[in-house]
Structures are given as structure tokens and as C-alpha cells.
Protein backbone atom coordinates (compact mmCIF):
# COMPACT_ATOMS: atom_id res chain seq x y z
CA UNK A 1 3.00 171.78 15.26
CA UNK A 2 5.77 173.77 16.90
CA UNK A 3 7.73 171.73 19.44
CA UNK A 4 9.18 174.12 22.02
CA UNK A 5 10.63 171.28 24.12
CA UNK A 6 13.18 170.65 21.34
CA UNK A 7 14.22 174.31 20.93
CA UNK A 8 17.87 174.74 19.99
CA UNK A 9 19.55 177.59 21.83
CA UNK A 10 22.89 179.02 20.73
CA UNK A 11 24.92 182.02 21.81
CA UNK A 12 27.05 184.51 19.90
CA UNK A 13 29.31 185.13 22.90
CA UNK A 14 31.43 183.10 25.32
CA UNK A 15 30.87 182.80 29.04
CA UNK A 16 31.53 180.29 31.79
CA UNK A 17 27.80 180.39 32.60
CA UNK A 18 26.41 179.35 29.19
CA UNK A 19 25.29 175.90 30.40
CA UNK A 20 23.25 177.41 33.25
CA UNK A 21 21.86 180.13 30.99
CA UNK A 22 20.90 177.56 28.38
CA UNK A 23 19.07 175.46 31.01
CA UNK A 24 17.21 178.53 32.26
CA UNK A 25 16.11 179.49 28.75
CA UNK A 26 15.07 175.92 27.87
CA UNK A 27 12.92 175.88 31.03
CA UNK A 28 11.38 179.23 30.11
CA UNK A 29 10.64 178.21 26.52
CA UNK A 30 9.27 174.74 27.29
CA UNK A 31 6.99 175.77 30.17
CA UNK A 32 3.39 176.58 29.18
CA UNK A 33 2.37 180.00 30.41
CA UNK A 34 0.02 179.89 33.39
CA UNK A 35 1.33 176.64 34.86
CA UNK A 36 3.79 178.02 37.43
CA UNK A 37 2.17 178.94 40.77
CA UNK A 38 3.13 182.41 42.04
CA UNK A 39 4.23 183.49 38.52
CA UNK A 40 1.49 182.72 36.00
CA UNK A 41 3.28 184.81 33.37
CA UNK A 42 6.33 182.50 33.31
CA UNK A 43 6.61 180.36 30.20
CA UNK A 44 5.33 180.73 26.68
CA UNK A 45 1.73 181.25 25.64
CA UNK A 46 0.02 178.34 23.96
CA UNK A 47 -2.33 180.59 21.96
CA UNK A 48 -0.54 179.69 18.71
CA UNK A 49 -2.10 176.21 18.72
CA UNK A 50 -4.63 175.99 15.90
CA UNK A 51 -3.33 179.01 13.99
CA UNK A 52 -1.99 178.73 10.43
CA UNK A 53 1.71 177.84 10.57
CA UNK A 54 3.04 181.27 9.50
CA UNK A 55 0.90 183.04 12.11
CA UNK A 56 1.90 180.48 14.75
CA UNK A 57 5.61 180.99 14.02
CA UNK A 58 5.19 184.76 14.40
CA UNK A 59 3.29 184.41 17.69
CA UNK A 60 5.90 182.04 19.11
CA UNK A 61 8.81 184.23 17.98
CA UNK A 62 7.26 187.34 19.51
CA UNK A 63 6.57 185.52 22.78
CA UNK A 64 10.15 184.18 22.91
CA UNK A 65 11.55 187.69 22.42
CA UNK A 66 9.27 189.28 25.04
CA UNK A 67 9.75 186.58 27.68
CA UNK A 68 13.53 186.52 27.21
CA UNK A 69 13.63 190.28 27.82
CA UNK A 70 11.43 189.93 30.90
CA UNK A 71 13.03 186.91 32.60
CA UNK A 72 16.63 187.25 31.38
CA UNK A 73 17.07 191.05 31.05
CA UNK A 74 20.81 190.78 30.38
CA UNK A 75 20.09 188.75 27.22
CA UNK A 76 18.52 189.56 23.87
CA UNK A 77 17.19 187.36 21.08
CA UNK A 78 19.25 188.04 17.97
CA UNK A 79 17.55 185.60 15.58
CA UNK A 80 14.86 182.92 15.50
CA UNK A 81 14.44 180.38 12.74
CA UNK A 82 12.42 177.20 12.42
CA UNK A 83 13.57 173.83 11.09
CA UNK A 84 11.49 170.80 10.19
CA UNK A 85 11.98 167.90 12.61
CA UNK A 86 11.93 164.17 11.89
CA UNK A 87 8.27 163.85 12.80
CA UNK A 88 7.06 166.89 10.87
CA UNK A 89 7.22 169.28 13.80
CA UNK A 90 8.78 172.72 13.60
CA UNK A 91 11.73 173.22 15.95
CA UNK A 92 12.82 176.75 16.81
CA UNK A 93 16.51 177.65 16.70
CA UNK A 94 17.16 180.70 18.86
CA UNK A 95 20.34 182.79 18.74
CA UNK A 96 20.98 184.72 21.95
CA UNK A 97 23.27 187.71 22.46
CA UNK A 98 23.97 189.99 25.39
CA UNK A 99 21.86 193.09 25.91
CA UNK A 100 23.61 196.37 25.32
């Protein structure tokens, strides 16, 4: 299972607003798509549940990239990797950069 609530977000740049940006991205990544009234597209799709792990990782990574571009247009996903957590879950590590 991929645990999006434990996603690790890092940045390859410095800014005084990194804490706020990190909170915004954590909210975006941990919210299931379709659960926010007035913006049903906010959050990540849960369609990866039940897929083989490699397919699920690809679906989650693609959704993270697309939703970051949509909801934080000044940012870009530079890299996504997955690490095994203590309880067997996969935890995404997301490296963010500024858009050009």
C-alpha cells in the first residue's frame, strides 16, 4: 500500500515560504480526490488501490506531477522515489523545484 499521508517533501531551493509551501503540498497529496466540496479535482486519485505495486507507483507519481502543476503552478516535481516504511507501506519522497 502507498501511504500518501507520510509523503516526504523536499526542495532544491531556498525560500522563506518553504514551510507554508510544504504544508500546502502535504494537504494536496494527502487529500483523496473528490472529497473537497467546490473543487472535486483537488487531491490525488485513489484509483491506484488494487493495482500491482509498479503500476500503482506510476499512477501515483503521474498524479502527483499533474496536480502539483495545476495547484502550485510556480513549482515543478523534479523527482519521485518510494521507500519502504516500518509497516510495509511505500512512502513517496518528492523533490520539488521552481518552474522555469
